[in-house]
Amino acid sequence: MFKNNVGGIDKIARIVVGIALIAAFFLTSGGPMHWLLLIGVVPLITGFAGTCPLYSIVGINTCKK
């Protein structure tokens, strides 16, 4: 479907940030922090998939050839 355009450190950073945001969602007691789950899922998925649709649109590629 999409070409891999997320590589190495970028992939690891996305996974760590995604897990941190999802953990923050579960550690807070509701309120205005309910959006953390939705925001945390996006970098987690793009990190595991190795592709970012926004990078494809802008033309960025951090994956080594």
PDB file of N, CA and C in Angstrom:
ATOM      1  N   MET A   1       0.834  -1.176   0.000  1.00  0.00           N
ATOM      2  CA  MET A   1       0.000   0.000   0.000  1.00  0.00           C
ATOM      3  C   MET A   1       0.883   1.246   0.000  1.00  0.00           C
ATOM      4  N   PHE A   2       1.497   1.580   1.123  1.00  0.00           N
ATOM      5  CA  PHE A   2       2.406   2.709   1.215  1.00  0.00           C
ATOM      6  C   PHE A   2       3.831   2.193   1.281  1.00  0.00           C
ATOM      7  N   LYS A   3       4.756   2.971   0.729  1.00  0.00           N
ATOM      8  CA  LYS A   3       6.164   2.628   0.849  1.00  0.00           C
ATOM      9  C   LYS A   3       6.652   2.996   2.240  1.00  0.00           C
ATOM     10  N   ASN A   4       7.621   2.241   2.738  1.00  0.00           N
ATOM     11  CA  ASN A   4       8.203   2.575   4.039  1.00  0.00           C
ATOM     12  C   ASN A   4       8.946   3.894   3.920  1.00  0.00           C
ATOM     13  N   ASN A   5       8.612   4.845   4.783  1.00  0.00           N
ATOM     14  CA  ASN A   5       9.290   6.130   4.791  1.00  0.00           C
ATOM     15  C   ASN A   5       9.665   6.575   6.204  1.00  0.00           C
ATOM     16  N   VAL A   6       9.532   5.676   7.162  1.00  0.00           N
ATOM     17  CA  VAL A   6       9.908   5.950   8.548  1.00  0.00           C
ATOM     18  C   VAL A   6      10.982   4.939   8.923  1.00  0.00           C
ATOM     19  N   GLY A   7      12.130   5.431   9.306  1.00  0.00           N
ATOM     20  CA  GLY A   7      13.212   4.509   9.599  1.00  0.00           C
ATOM     21  C   GLY A   7      13.870   4.755  10.938  1.00  0.00           C
ATOM     22  N   GLY A   8      14.618   3.779  11.378  1.00  0.00           N
ATOM     23  CA  GLY A   8      15.481   3.807  12.548  1.00  0.00           C
ATOM     24  C   GLY A   8      14.996   4.563  13.768  1.00  0.00           C
ATOM     25  N   ILE A   9      15.685   5.663  14.045  1.00  0.00           N
ATOM     26  CA  ILE A   9      15.416   6.448  15.245  1.00  0.00           C
ATOM     27  C   ILE A   9      14.013   7.044  15.202  1.00  0.00           C
ATOM     28  N   ASP A  10      13.561   7.445  14.030  1.00  0.00           N
ATOM     29  CA  ASP A  10      12.217   8.004  13.881  1.00  0.00           C
ATOM     30  C   ASP A  10      11.163   6.978  14.296  1.00  0.00           C
ATOM     31  N   LYS A  11      11.363   5.739  13.892  1.00  0.00           N
ATOM     32  CA  LYS A  11      10.422   4.666  14.235  1.00  0.00           C
ATOM     33  C   LYS A  11      10.394   4.423  15.741  1.00  0.00           C
ATOM     34  N   ILE A  12      11.572   4.354  16.351  1.00  0.00           N
ATOM     35  CA  ILE A  12      11.665   4.130  17.799  1.00  0.00           C
ATOM     36  C   ILE A  12      11.034   5.295  18.561  1.00  0.00           C
ATOM     37  N   ALA A  13      11.298   6.527  18.118  1.00  0.00           N
ATOM     38  CA  ALA A  13      10.735   7.705  18.786  1.00  0.00           C
ATOM     39  C   ALA A  13       9.215   7.706  18.698  1.00  0.00           C
ATOM     40  N   ARG A  14       8.662   7.329  17.552  1.00  0.00           N
ATOM     41  CA  ARG A  14       7.207   7.282  17.395  1.00  0.00           C
ATOM     42  C   ARG A  14       6.581   6.250  18.337  1.00  0.00           C
ATOM     43  N   ILE A  15       7.204   5.090  18.449  1.00  0.00           N
ATOM     44  CA  ILE A  15       6.672   4.040  19.319  1.00  0.00           C
ATOM     45  C   ILE A  15       6.731   4.475  20.785  1.00  0.00           C
ATOM     46  N   VAL A  16       7.851   5.069  21.199  1.00  0.00           N
ATOM     47  CA  VAL A  16       8.001   5.520  22.585  1.00  0.00           C
ATOM     48  C   VAL A  16       7.004   6.624  22.912  1.00  0.00           C
ATOM     49  N   VAL A  17       6.852   7.593  22.005  1.00  0.00           N
ATOM     50  CA  VAL A  17       5.903   8.692  22.241  1.00  0.00           C
ATOM     51  C   VAL A  17       4.473   8.161  22.280  1.00  0.00           C
ATOM     52  N   GLY A  18       4.149   7.241  21.382  1.00  0.00           N
ATOM     53  CA  GLY A  18       2.810   6.658  21.371  1.00  0.00           C
ATOM     54  C   GLY A  18       2.490   5.925  22.660  1.00  0.00           C
ATOM     55  N   ILE A  19       3.429   5.118  23.128  1.00  0.00           N
ATOM     56  CA  ILE A  19       3.222   4.389  24.387  1.00  0.00           C
ATOM     57  C   ILE A  19       3.112   5.362  25.556  1.00  0.00           C
ATOM     58  N   ALA A  20       3.939   6.413  25.555  1.00  0.00           N
ATOM     59  CA  ALA A  20       3.893   7.394  26.650  1.00  0.00           C
ATOM     60  C   ALA A  20       2.547   8.119  26.681  1.00  0.00           C
ATOM     61  N   LEU A  21       2.020   8.494  25.531  1.00  0.00           N
ATOM     62  CA  LEU A  21       0.735   9.196  25.501  1.00  0.00           C
ATOM     63  C   LEU A  21      -0.415   8.281  25.920  1.00  0.00           C
ATOM     64  N   ILE A  22      -0.362   7.032  25.493  1.00  0.00           N
ATOM     65  CA  ILE A  22      -1.411   6.085  25.891  1.00  0.00           C
ATOM     66  C   ILE A  22      -1.321   5.804  27.389  1.00  0.00           C
ATOM     67  N   ALA A  23      -0.099   5.683  27.921  1.00  0.00           N
ATOM     68  CA  ALA A  23       0.072   5.478  29.358  1.00  0.00           C
ATOM     69  C   ALA A  23      -0.443   6.686  30.133  1.00  0.00           C
ATOM     70  N   ALA A  24      -0.187   7.898  29.628  1.00  0.00           N
ATOM     71  CA  ALA A  24      -0.676   9.111  30.289  1.00  0.00           C
ATOM     72  C   ALA A  24      -2.199   9.132  30.308  1.00  0.00           C
ATOM     73  N   PHE A  25      -2.817   8.606  29.253  1.00  0.00           N
ATOM     74  CA  PHE A  25      -4.277   8.528  29.212  1.00  0.00           C
ATOM     75  C   PHE A  25      -4.800   7.671  30.353  1.00  0.00           C
ATOM     76  N   PHE A  26      -4.173   6.512  30.566  1.00  0.00           N
ATOM     77  CA  PHE A  26      -4.646   5.604  31.606  1.00  0.00           C
ATOM     78  C   PHE A  26      -4.262   6.068  33.010  1.00  0.00           C
ATOM     79  N   LEU A  27      -3.217   6.870  33.135  1.00  0.00           N
ATOM     80  CA  LEU A  27      -2.779   7.336  34.447  1.00  0.00           C
ATOM     81  C   LEU A  27      -3.529   8.577  34.919  1.00  0.00           C
ATOM     82  N   THR A  28      -4.155   9.296  33.998  1.00  0.00           N
ATOM     83  CA  THR A  28      -4.935  10.469  34.402  1.00  0.00           C
ATOM     84  C   THR A  28      -6.378  10.044  34.632  1.00  0.00           C
ATOM     85  N   SER A  29      -7.075  10.814  35.413  1.00  0.00           N
ATOM     86  CA  SER A  29      -8.455  10.450  35.741  1.00  0.00           C
ATOM     87  C   SER A  29      -9.441  11.244  34.887  1.00  0.00           C
ATOM     88  N   GLY A  30      -9.497  10.915  33.620  1.00  0.00           N
ATOM     89  CA  GLY A  30     -10.459  11.543  32.716  1.00  0.00           C
ATOM     90  C   GLY A  30     -10.195  13.018  32.525  1.00  0.00           C
ATOM     91  N   GLY A  31     -11.253  13.786  32.514  1.00  0.00           N
ATOM     92  CA  GLY A  31     -11.131  15.222  32.338  1.00  0.00           C
ATOM     93  C   GLY A  31     -10.694  15.580  30.925  1.00  0.00           C
ATOM     94  N   PRO A  32      -9.901  16.629  30.807  1.00  0.00           N
ATOM     95  CA  PRO A  32      -9.507  17.076  29.473  1.00  0.00           C
ATOM     96  C   PRO A  32      -8.420  16.217  28.819  1.00  0.00           C
ATOM     97  N   MET A  33      -7.956  15.192  29.492  1.00  0.00           N
ATOM     98  CA  MET A  33      -6.883  14.364  28.946  1.00  0.00           C
ATOM     99  C   MET A  33      -7.379  13.166  28.138  1.00  0.00           C
ATOM    100  N   HIS A  34      -8.662  13.078  27.842  1.00  0.00           N
ATOM    101  CA  HIS A  34      -9.193  11.931  27.115  1.00  0.00           C
ATOM    102  C   HIS A  34      -8.677  11.864  25.682  1.00  0.00           C
ATOM    103  N   TRP A  35      -8.197  12.945  25.131  1.00  0.00           N
ATOM    104  CA  TRP A  35      -7.685  12.975  23.762  1.00  0.00           C
ATOM    105  C   TRP A  35      -6.308  12.331  23.645  1.00  0.00           C
ATOM    106  N   LEU A  36      -5.623  12.078  24.763  1.00  0.00           N
ATOM    107  CA  LEU A  36      -4.286  11.482  24.714  1.00  0.00           C
ATOM    108  C   LEU A  36      -4.289  10.103  24.068  1.00  0.00           C
ATOM    109  N   LEU A  37      -5.361   9.354  24.265  1.00  0.00           N
ATOM    110  CA  LEU A  37      -5.432   8.021  23.665  1.00  0.00           C
ATOM    111  C   LEU A  37      -5.448   8.124  22.150  1.00  0.00           C
ATOM    112  N   LEU A  38      -6.274   8.991  21.620  1.00  0.00           N
ATOM    113  CA  LEU A  38      -6.351   9.147  20.170  1.00  0.00           C
ATOM    114  C   LEU A  38      -5.038   9.656  19.588  1.00  0.00           C
ATOM    115  N   ILE A  39      -4.433  10.622  20.259  1.00  0.00           N
ATOM    116  CA  ILE A  39      -3.168  11.162  19.767  1.00  0.00           C
ATOM    117  C   ILE A  39      -2.052  10.128  19.906  1.00  0.00           C
ATOM    118  N   GLY A  40      -2.085   9.300  20.927  1.00  0.00           N
ATOM    119  CA  GLY A  40      -1.044   8.299  21.135  1.00  0.00           C
ATOM    120  C   GLY A  40      -1.117   7.137  20.162  1.00  0.00           C
ATOM    121  N   VAL A  41      -2.292   6.839  19.669  1.00  0.00           N
ATOM    122  CA  VAL A  41      -2.459   5.716  18.742  1.00  0.00           C
ATOM    123  C   VAL A  41      -1.804   6.015  17.396  1.00  0.00           C
ATOM    124  N   VAL A  42      -1.862   7.256  16.949  1.00  0.00           N
ATOM    125  CA  VAL A  42      -1.337   7.613  15.624  1.00  0.00           C
ATOM    126  C   VAL A  42       0.169   7.355  15.509  1.00  0.00           C
ATOM    127  N   PRO A  43       1.018   7.907  16.402  1.00  0.00           N
ATOM    128  CA  PRO A  43       2.443   7.610  16.252  1.00  0.00           C
ATOM    129  C   PRO A  43       2.778   6.141  16.504  1.00  0.00           C
ATOM    130  N   LEU A  44       2.001   5.476  17.344  1.00  0.00           N
ATOM    131  CA  LEU A  44       2.244   4.064  17.603  1.00  0.00           C
ATOM    132  C   LEU A  44       2.017   3.241  16.337  1.00  0.00           C
ATOM    133  N   ILE A  45       0.929   3.492  15.649  1.00  0.00           N
ATOM    134  CA  ILE A  45       0.627   2.752  14.416  1.00  0.00           C
ATOM    135  C   ILE A  45       1.637   3.079  13.321  1.00  0.00           C
ATOM    136  N   THR A  46       1.949   4.361  13.147  1.00  0.00           N
ATOM    137  CA  THR A  46       2.895   4.719  12.096  1.00  0.00           C
ATOM    138  C   THR A  46       4.300   4.198  12.405  1.00  0.00           C
ATOM    139  N   GLY A  47       4.635   4.106  13.688  1.00  0.00           N
ATOM    140  CA  GLY A  47       5.934   3.549  14.060  1.00  0.00           C
ATOM    141  C   GLY A  47       6.026   2.067  13.766  1.00  0.00           C
ATOM    142  N   PHE A  48       4.986   1.321  14.120  1.00  0.00           N
ATOM    143  CA  PHE A  48       5.002  -0.116  13.850  1.00  0.00           C
ATOM    144  C   PHE A  48       4.854  -0.429  12.364  1.00  0.00           C
ATOM    145  N   ALA A  49       4.074   0.360  11.658  1.00  0.00           N
ATOM    146  CA  ALA A  49       3.865   0.118  10.225  1.00  0.00           C
ATOM    147  C   ALA A  49       5.072   0.551   9.398  1.00  0.00           C
ATOM    148  N   GLY A  50       5.826   1.522   9.885  1.00  0.00           N
ATOM    149  CA  GLY A  50       6.988   1.997   9.149  1.00  0.00           C
ATOM    150  C   GLY A  50       6.642   2.965   8.033  1.00  0.00           C
ATOM    151  N   THR A  51       5.426   3.432   8.014  1.00  0.00           N
ATOM    152  CA  THR A  51       5.010   4.384   6.993  1.00  0.00           C
ATOM    153  C   THR A  51       4.156   5.477   7.613  1.00  0.00           C
ATOM    154  N   CYS A  52       4.312   6.693   7.088  1.00  0.00           N
ATOM    155  CA  CYS A  52       3.560   7.834   7.586  1.00  0.00           C
ATOM    156  C   CYS A  52       2.911   8.537   6.397  1.00  0.00           C
ATOM    157  N   PRO A  53       1.579   8.584   6.346  1.00  0.00           N
ATOM    158  CA  PRO A  53       0.908   9.242   5.217  1.00  0.00           C
ATOM    159  C   PRO A  53       1.296  10.717   5.083  1.00  0.00           C
ATOM    160  N   LEU A  54       1.512  11.410   6.188  1.00  0.00           N
ATOM    161  CA  LEU A  54       1.909  12.811   6.120  1.00  0.00           C
ATOM    162  C   LEU A  54       3.291  12.950   5.483  1.00  0.00           C
ATOM    163  N   TYR A  55       4.214  12.058   5.816  1.00  0.00           N
ATOM    164  CA  TYR A  55       5.526  12.070   5.193  1.00  0.00           C
ATOM    165  C   TYR A  55       5.399  11.848   3.683  1.00  0.00           C
ATOM    166  N   SER A  56       4.489  10.984   3.265  1.00  0.00           N
ATOM    167  CA  SER A  56       4.288  10.736   1.833  1.00  0.00           C
ATOM    168  C   SER A  56       3.797  11.993   1.125  1.00  0.00           C
ATOM    169  N   ILE A  57       2.896  12.725   1.755  1.00  0.00           N
ATOM    170  CA  ILE A  57       2.351  13.945   1.155  1.00  0.00           C
ATOM    171  C   ILE A  57       3.432  15.025   1.040  1.00  0.00           C
ATOM    172  N   VAL A  58       4.223  15.183   2.104  1.00  0.00           N
ATOM    173  CA  VAL A  58       5.241  16.229   2.139  1.00  0.00           C
ATOM    174  C   VAL A  58       6.505  15.825   1.376  1.00  0.00           C
ATOM    175  N   GLY A  59       6.736  14.523   1.228  1.00  0.00           N
ATOM    176  CA  GLY A  59       7.909  14.034   0.506  1.00  0.00           C
ATOM    177  C   GLY A  59       9.120  13.773   1.389  1.00  0.00           C
ATOM    178  N   ILE A  60       8.888  13.500   2.654  1.00  0.00           N
ATOM    179  CA  ILE A  60       9.970  13.203   3.597  1.00  0.00           C
ATOM    180  C   ILE A  60      10.170  11.698   3.658  1.00  0.00           C
ATOM    181  N   ASN A  61      11.442  11.286   3.757  1.00  0.00           N
ATOM    182  CA  ASN A  61      11.754   9.865   3.888  1.00  0.00           C
ATOM    183  C   ASN A  61      12.953   9.729   4.828  1.00  0.00           C
ATOM    184  N   THR A  62      12.750   9.151   6.015  1.00  0.00           N
ATOM    185  CA  THR A  62      13.828   8.932   6.965  1.00  0.00           C
ATOM    186  C   THR A  62      14.355   7.505   6.931  1.00  0.00           C
ATOM    187  N   CYS A  63      13.825   6.709   6.026  1.00  0.00           N
ATOM    188  CA  CYS A  63      14.223   5.307   5.896  1.00  0.00           C
ATOM    189  C   CYS A  63      15.452   5.222   4.998  1.00  0.00           C
ATOM    190  N   LYS A  64      16.454   4.479   5.445  1.00  0.00           N
ATOM    191  CA  LYS A  64      17.661   4.303   4.632  1.00  0.00           C
ATOM    192  C   LYS A  64      17.341   3.450   3.413  1.00  0.00           C
ATOM    193  N   LYS A  65      17.933   3.813   2.321  1.00  0.00           N
ATOM    194  CA  LYS A  65      17.703   3.071   1.067  1.00  0.00           C
ATOM    195  C   LYS A  65      18.627   1.888   0.980  1.00  0.00           C
TER     196      LYS A  65
END
